[in-house]
Protein backbone atom coordinates (compact mmCIF):
# COMPACT_ATOMS: atom_id res chain seq x y z
CA MET A 1 -59.21 44.17 53.54
CA ASN A 2 -60.14 41.52 55.91
CA LEU A 3 -58.37 38.39 55.26
CA GLY A 4 -60.24 36.46 58.31
CA LEU A 5 -57.07 36.98 60.67
CA ASP A 6 -57.28 37.67 64.45
CA PRO A 7 -55.03 40.18 65.95
CA GLY A 8 -51.72 38.89 66.84
CA ASP A 9 -51.70 36.27 64.09
CA THR A 10 -48.44 35.93 62.27
CA VAL A 11 -48.33 36.19 58.57
CA MET A 12 -45.61 33.82 56.72
CA ARG A 13 -44.55 35.09 53.43
CA GLN A 14 -43.77 32.25 50.83
CA PRO A 15 -40.09 32.34 49.96
CA ARG A 16 -39.38 33.29 46.36
CA SER A 17 -37.34 31.02 44.19
CA PRO A 18 -33.73 32.65 43.74
CA ARG A 19 -33.23 34.45 40.42
CA PRO A 20 -29.90 33.88 38.56
CA THR A 21 -27.49 36.46 39.08
CA LYS A 22 -26.64 38.38 35.97
CA ILE A 23 -23.15 39.41 35.59
CA ASP A 24 -21.92 42.08 33.11
CA MET A 25 -18.08 41.24 32.96
CA SER A 26 -17.50 44.25 30.49
CA ARG A 27 -18.03 47.15 33.10
CA GLY A 28 -15.34 49.47 34.07
CA LEU A 29 -13.32 48.81 30.86
CA GLY A 30 -13.93 52.32 29.37
CA PRO A 31 -14.65 52.71 25.59
CA TYR A 32 -13.60 49.14 24.86
CA ARG A 33 -16.81 47.74 26.13
CA SER A 34 -17.88 44.97 23.58
CA GLY A 35 -18.55 42.11 25.66
CA VAL A 36 -21.78 39.93 26.30
CA ASP A 37 -23.92 39.89 29.61
CA LEU A 38 -23.80 36.29 30.90
CA TYR A 39 -25.41 34.74 33.99
CA SER A 40 -23.22 33.31 36.50
CA GLU A 41 -24.56 29.92 35.71
CA GLN A 42 -23.55 30.47 32.01
CA ILE A 43 -20.06 31.46 32.97
CA ALA A 44 -19.52 28.33 35.08
CA GLU A 45 -20.97 26.13 32.17
CA LEU A 46 -18.53 27.86 29.58
CA ARG A 47 -15.57 27.52 31.93
CA GLU A 48 -16.22 23.96 32.35
CA LEU A 49 -16.51 23.48 28.77
CA ALA A 50 -13.39 25.41 27.94
CA GLY A 51 -11.23 23.22 30.37
CA SER A 52 -12.83 20.00 29.55
CA ARG A 53 -10.88 17.19 27.80
CA ASP A 54 -14.02 15.35 26.63
CA VAL A 55 -14.93 17.99 23.85
CA PRO A 56 -13.14 18.71 20.72
CA ALA A 57 -10.58 21.50 20.82
CA VAL A 58 -12.44 23.77 18.47
CA VAL A 59 -15.50 23.75 21.05
CA ALA A 60 -13.25 24.51 23.90
CA LEU A 61 -11.79 27.41 21.80
CA ARG A 62 -15.27 28.92 20.90
CA ALA A 63 -16.18 28.73 24.62
CA ARG A 64 -13.10 30.70 25.60
CA ILE A 65 -13.84 33.33 23.04
CA VAL A 66 -17.38 33.96 24.44
CA LEU A 67 -15.60 34.10 27.94
CA TRP A 68 -12.98 36.53 26.71
CA SER A 69 -15.69 38.55 25.16
CA ALA A 70 -17.77 38.65 28.39
CA GLU A 71 -14.57 39.90 30.16
CA GLY A 72 -14.73 42.98 27.81
CA ARG A 73 -11.66 42.26 25.74
CA ARG A 74 -11.32 43.91 22.48
CA ARG A 75 -12.42 41.96 19.28
CA LYS A 76 -8.94 42.02 17.68
CA ASP A 77 -7.32 41.15 21.10
CA ILE A 78 -9.55 37.94 21.26
CA ALA A 79 -8.79 37.19 17.58
CA GLU A 80 -5.00 37.38 18.27
CA LEU A 81 -5.22 35.43 21.32
CA ALA A 82 -7.39 32.57 19.92
CA GLY A 83 -5.29 32.61 16.50
CA VAL A 84 -8.32 33.26 14.37
CA ALA A 85 -9.79 35.87 12.32
CA PRO A 86 -11.97 38.75 13.85
CA LEU A 87 -14.93 37.48 11.81
CA THR A 88 -14.63 34.02 13.57
CA VAL A 89 -14.96 35.94 16.99
CA ASP A 90 -18.29 37.58 15.65
CA ARG A 91 -19.42 34.43 14.52
CA CYS A 92 -18.78 32.49 17.78
CA LYS A 93 -20.58 35.29 19.92
CA ALA A 94 -23.65 35.26 17.46
CA ARG A 95 -23.94 31.60 17.58
CA TYR A 96 -23.72 31.57 21.24
CA ALA A 97 -26.34 34.34 21.52
CA GLU A 98 -28.76 32.52 19.31
CA ARG A 99 -28.42 28.86 20.53
CA GLY A 100 -26.37 28.83 23.74
CA VAL A 101 -23.80 26.17 24.30
CA ALA A 102 -25.26 24.26 21.41
CA GLY A 103 -24.30 26.78 19.02
CA LEU A 104 -20.62 26.40 19.77
CA GLU A 105 -20.74 22.77 18.39
CA ASP A 106 -20.18 21.95 14.83
CA LYS A 107 -23.55 21.48 12.85
CA ARG A 108 -24.17 17.94 12.03
CA ARG A 109 -23.26 16.88 8.44
CA GLY A 110 -25.22 14.98 6.27
CA GLY A 111 -25.50 11.09 6.85
CA PRO A 112 -22.61 8.99 5.74
CA ARG A 113 -22.47 7.94 2.11
CA ALA A 114 -24.15 4.61 1.38
CA GLN A 115 -21.58 1.83 1.56
CA VAL A 116 -21.11 -0.59 -1.33
CA PRO A 117 -22.27 -3.94 -0.17
CA PRO A 118 -19.80 -6.71 -0.06
CA ARG A 119 -21.55 -8.57 -2.66
CA ALA A 120 -21.04 -5.80 -5.25
CA ARG A 121 -17.14 -5.96 -4.52
CA ALA A 122 -17.01 -9.84 -4.79
CA ARG A 123 -18.79 -9.47 -8.21
CA VAL A 124 -16.33 -6.90 -9.36
CA ILE A 125 -13.53 -9.21 -8.54
CA ALA A 126 -15.06 -12.32 -9.91
CA LEU A 127 -16.04 -10.94 -13.28
CA THR A 128 -12.59 -9.30 -13.69
CA ARG A 129 -10.97 -12.83 -13.35
CA MET A 130 -13.29 -14.26 -16.10
CA SER A 131 -13.63 -13.38 -19.81
CA PRO A 132 -16.55 -11.09 -20.82
CA PRO A 133 -19.53 -12.91 -22.02
CA ALA A 134 -19.77 -13.87 -25.59
CA ASP A 135 -22.78 -11.79 -26.59
CA SER A 136 -21.12 -8.67 -25.07
CA GLY A 137 -18.62 -8.36 -28.03
CA LEU A 138 -15.76 -7.72 -25.73
CA SER A 139 -12.32 -9.27 -25.65
CA ARG A 140 -11.42 -7.99 -22.13
CA TRP A 141 -12.92 -5.73 -19.51
CA SER A 142 -12.27 -2.05 -18.88
CA THR A 143 -13.44 -0.22 -15.94
CA ARG A 144 -16.40 1.46 -17.54
CA THR A 145 -17.51 -1.70 -19.49
CA LEU A 146 -17.45 -3.57 -16.16
CA ALA A 147 -19.52 -1.09 -14.32
CA ASP A 148 -21.96 -0.99 -17.14
CA HIS A 149 -22.28 -4.56 -17.35
CA LEU A 150 -23.05 -4.84 -13.49
CA LYS A 151 -25.56 -2.10 -13.77
CA ARG A 152 -27.46 -3.54 -16.85
CA ARG A 153 -27.17 -7.22 -16.22
CA GLU A 154 -27.10 -7.56 -12.33
CA GLY A 155 -28.75 -4.35 -11.12
CA ILE A 156 -25.51 -3.40 -9.15
CA SER A 157 -24.77 0.20 -9.47
CA VAL A 158 -21.08 1.27 -8.99
CA SER A 159 -18.84 3.80 -10.68
CA TRP A 160 -16.05 2.83 -12.70
CA HIS A 161 -13.80 4.81 -10.15
CA TYR A 162 -14.87 2.12 -7.68
CA VAL A 163 -13.91 -0.81 -10.30
CA ALA A 164 -10.47 0.86 -10.80
CA ARG A 165 -9.95 1.19 -6.97
CA ILE A 166 -10.73 -2.51 -6.50
CA TRP A 167 -8.33 -3.45 -9.31
CA ARG A 168 -5.50 -1.43 -7.78
CA GLU A 169 -6.30 -3.02 -4.28
CA GLU A 170 -6.42 -6.43 -5.67
CA ASN A 171 -3.54 -5.95 -8.19
CA LEU A 172 -5.89 -6.99 -11.15
CA LYS A 173 -4.72 -6.33 -14.64
CA PRO A 174 -7.31 -7.57 -17.10
CA HIS A 175 -5.60 -5.70 -19.87
CA ARG A 176 -2.53 -7.81 -19.88
CA SER A 177 -2.23 -10.89 -22.06
CA GLY A 178 0.61 -13.59 -22.14
CA THR A 179 1.66 -16.20 -24.54
CA PHE A 180 2.30 -19.97 -24.22
CA LYS A 181 3.76 -22.66 -26.52
CA ILE A 182 2.86 -26.32 -26.79
CA SER A 183 5.83 -28.62 -27.27
CA LYS A 184 5.79 -30.99 -30.03
CA ASP A 185 7.97 -33.43 -28.30
CA PRO A 186 6.02 -36.71 -27.70
CA ALA A 187 8.01 -37.43 -24.55
CA PHE A 188 7.59 -33.90 -23.17
CA ALA A 189 5.38 -35.08 -20.34
CA GLU A 190 7.92 -37.76 -19.21
CA LYS A 191 10.85 -35.32 -19.41
CA VAL A 192 8.84 -32.68 -17.25
CA ALA A 193 8.07 -35.29 -14.49
CA ASP A 194 11.69 -36.44 -14.56
CA ILE A 195 13.26 -32.83 -14.20
CA VAL A 196 10.59 -31.64 -11.58
CA GLY A 197 11.34 -34.98 -9.63
CA LEU A 198 15.21 -34.09 -9.75
CA TYR A 199 14.58 -30.61 -8.12
CA LEU A 200 11.80 -31.80 -5.75
CA ALA A 201 12.95 -35.09 -4.54
CA PRO A 202 16.38 -35.99 -5.88
CA PRO A 203 17.63 -39.56 -5.49
CA VAL A 204 19.14 -40.20 -2.04
CA GLY A 205 23.02 -39.82 -2.03
CA ALA A 206 22.80 -38.44 -5.64
CA VAL A 207 24.11 -34.92 -6.96
CA VAL A 208 21.88 -32.88 -9.19
CA LEU A 209 23.65 -30.26 -11.16
CA SER A 210 21.85 -27.52 -13.28
CA VAL A 211 24.10 -26.56 -16.14
CA ASP A 212 23.55 -23.67 -18.47
CA GLU A 213 25.79 -21.35 -20.86
CA LYS A 214 25.44 -17.61 -21.32
CA THR A 215 26.98 -16.93 -24.65
CA GLN A 216 28.36 -13.70 -26.34
CA VAL A 217 28.78 -11.81 -22.99
CA GLN A 218 30.21 -8.52 -23.92
CA ALA A 219 33.62 -7.79 -21.99
CA LEU A 220 33.19 -4.13 -21.43
CA ASP A 221 35.35 -1.62 -19.30
CA ARG A 222 34.82 1.89 -18.47
CA THR A 223 37.24 4.51 -19.68
CA GLN A 224 38.12 5.89 -16.19
CA PRO A 225 37.82 3.98 -12.65
CA VAL A 226 34.47 3.89 -11.14
CA LEU A 227 34.04 6.65 -8.37
CA PRO A 228 32.84 4.97 -5.15
CA VAL A 229 30.00 6.00 -3.05
CA THR A 230 30.68 8.86 -0.66
CA PHE A 231 28.67 10.56 2.09
CA ALA A 232 26.89 12.99 -0.18
CA ALA A 233 27.30 11.22 -3.66
CA ILE A 234 26.30 7.98 -5.13
CA GLU A 235 28.48 5.74 -7.19
CA LYS A 236 29.46 7.23 -10.66
CA ARG A 237 30.97 5.78 -13.76
CA THR A 238 31.69 7.19 -17.18
CA HIS A 239 29.22 7.06 -19.85
CA ASP A 240 31.63 5.73 -22.40
CA TYR A 241 33.32 2.38 -22.13
CA VAL A 242 35.99 0.18 -24.16
CA ARG A 243 34.90 -3.25 -25.77
CA HIS A 244 37.14 -6.26 -25.07
CA GLY A 245 35.36 -8.79 -27.39
CA THR A 246 33.02 -11.25 -25.91
CA THR A 247 33.24 -14.28 -23.80
CA ASN A 248 31.01 -17.49 -23.05
CA LEU A 249 30.17 -18.33 -19.46
CA PHE A 250 29.54 -21.84 -18.46
CA ALA A 251 27.96 -22.36 -15.00
CA ALA A 252 26.84 -25.51 -12.84
CA LEU A 253 24.40 -25.15 -9.80
CA ASN A 254 24.40 -27.74 -7.13
CA VAL A 255 20.78 -27.95 -6.43
CA THR A 256 21.29 -29.56 -3.05
CA THR A 257 24.01 -27.11 -1.64
CA GLY A 258 23.60 -23.96 -3.79
CA GLU A 259 27.15 -23.88 -4.76
CA VAL A 260 27.85 -22.45 -8.13
CA LEU A 261 30.82 -23.46 -10.44
CA GLY A 262 31.50 -20.96 -13.16
CA GLU A 263 34.02 -20.66 -16.01
CA CYS A 264 34.53 -18.45 -19.13
CA LYS A 265 35.88 -19.77 -22.41
CA PRO A 266 36.53 -17.87 -25.58
CA THR A 267 34.15 -19.93 -27.63
CA ARG A 268 31.18 -22.37 -27.01
CA ASN A 269 31.67 -25.71 -28.70
CA GLY A 270 31.38 -29.36 -27.96
CA ALA A 271 35.08 -29.56 -26.76
CA ASN A 272 34.76 -26.51 -24.30
CA PHE A 273 31.53 -27.86 -23.00
CA LEU A 274 32.92 -31.34 -22.33
CA ALA A 275 35.87 -29.86 -20.64
CA PHE A 276 33.69 -27.90 -18.23
CA LEU A 277 31.51 -30.91 -17.65
CA LYS A 278 34.45 -32.99 -16.46
CA LYS A 279 35.44 -30.15 -14.16
CA ALA A 280 31.85 -29.89 -12.70
CA VAL A 281 31.56 -33.58 -11.86
CA LYS A 282 35.08 -34.06 -10.64
CA PRO A 283 34.57 -33.14 -6.95
CA HIS A 284 31.53 -35.69 -6.98
CA ALA A 285 33.49 -38.86 -8.10
CA GLY A 286 31.89 -42.16 -7.18
CA LYS A 287 28.43 -40.72 -6.81
CA GLU A 288 25.30 -40.79 -9.00
CA ILE A 289 25.15 -37.40 -10.88
CA HIS A 290 22.14 -35.91 -12.67
CA ILE A 291 22.74 -33.26 -14.79
CA VAL A 292 19.74 -30.91 -16.04
CA LEU A 293 20.53 -28.89 -19.14
CA ASP A 294 18.79 -27.88 -22.39
CA ASN A 295 19.25 -29.79 -25.60
CA LEU A 296 21.92 -27.65 -27.51
CA SER A 297 23.72 -29.36 -30.22
CA THR A 298 27.00 -28.87 -28.23
CA HIS A 299 25.51 -31.00 -25.52
CA THR A 300 25.00 -34.09 -27.84
CA THR A 301 28.35 -34.16 -29.71
CA PRO A 302 29.95 -37.70 -30.48
CA ASP A 303 32.66 -36.95 -27.83
CA VAL A 304 30.18 -35.91 -25.25
CA LYS A 305 28.22 -39.12 -25.78
CA ALA A 306 31.48 -41.30 -25.79
CA TRP A 307 32.46 -39.78 -22.36
CA LEU A 308 28.79 -40.42 -21.07
CA ALA A 309 29.23 -44.05 -22.12
CA LYS A 310 32.36 -44.35 -20.12
CA ASN A 311 30.92 -42.67 -17.10
CA PRO A 312 27.59 -44.54 -16.47
CA ASN A 313 26.97 -42.81 -13.11
CA VAL A 314 26.57 -39.48 -14.97
CA HIS A 315 23.05 -39.03 -16.42
CA LEU A 316 21.85 -36.10 -18.58
CA SER A 317 18.11 -34.80 -18.38
CA THR A 318 17.19 -32.29 -21.20
CA THR A 319 14.59 -29.75 -20.60
CA ALA A 320 13.18 -29.79 -24.08
């Protein structure tokens, strides 16, 4: 074949592109040959993946499984070495054979769930803190009725589980109800202003005492001494007790210093109250003393009124 060359001309061959070297790492291992054939580039890629700190640990483990399989290790040995089931070894090899390195990564899950907009949360909180509309026929909200109201009236679709979670997070309890009482005392507002003023801004140099009684306190005693706390046991006491009658506790709190004066009396009457009152004001002789207390009959006996008349520096302020 004449190519138009003169004798003596040199023919230069075009260099061929290098072909990747295919390495069978399972040869020479006898009857246990169960590996996969990998190119040297694939082996390098898998080794880099297995030793990388930038990939999830499970992906690095799957890369090691493929490498161990390429080395010709037995299936059960690989499973024991990796701490997985033999079926997992087969699955890793099949995924790598089908998709390469991409097959070692987890499949992407579906998109994240649609987040509830902040407006929906704000409406749940706002409606919970208000009474239901009059035309709803409801006296209070429940999680289901609130979720249904939002969907029908405002086009906001949330589940009752979501409403319940908001109530827990915000500590909302619309099922609870309380009571209140209106005083019939025409001077109630003046009394409130007087007592609150004594607590918040007492007169300069004056002493404010808050006095009260706890009546019919049961004096009980256990039949055996209380066992103290030990290293391995809590404090223990007998379940039965002995009654020693009742007593009445009188107490006075110095609002400024926090000091408490207490005394027990066998009965509660005007005489015992007056005796305690004298004891409470004695340390503050010569000062203006304001005493806050309730309007029990024992606080307004003739003897108490006579004593107050003789001690104009002592002023009583009743709470009701």
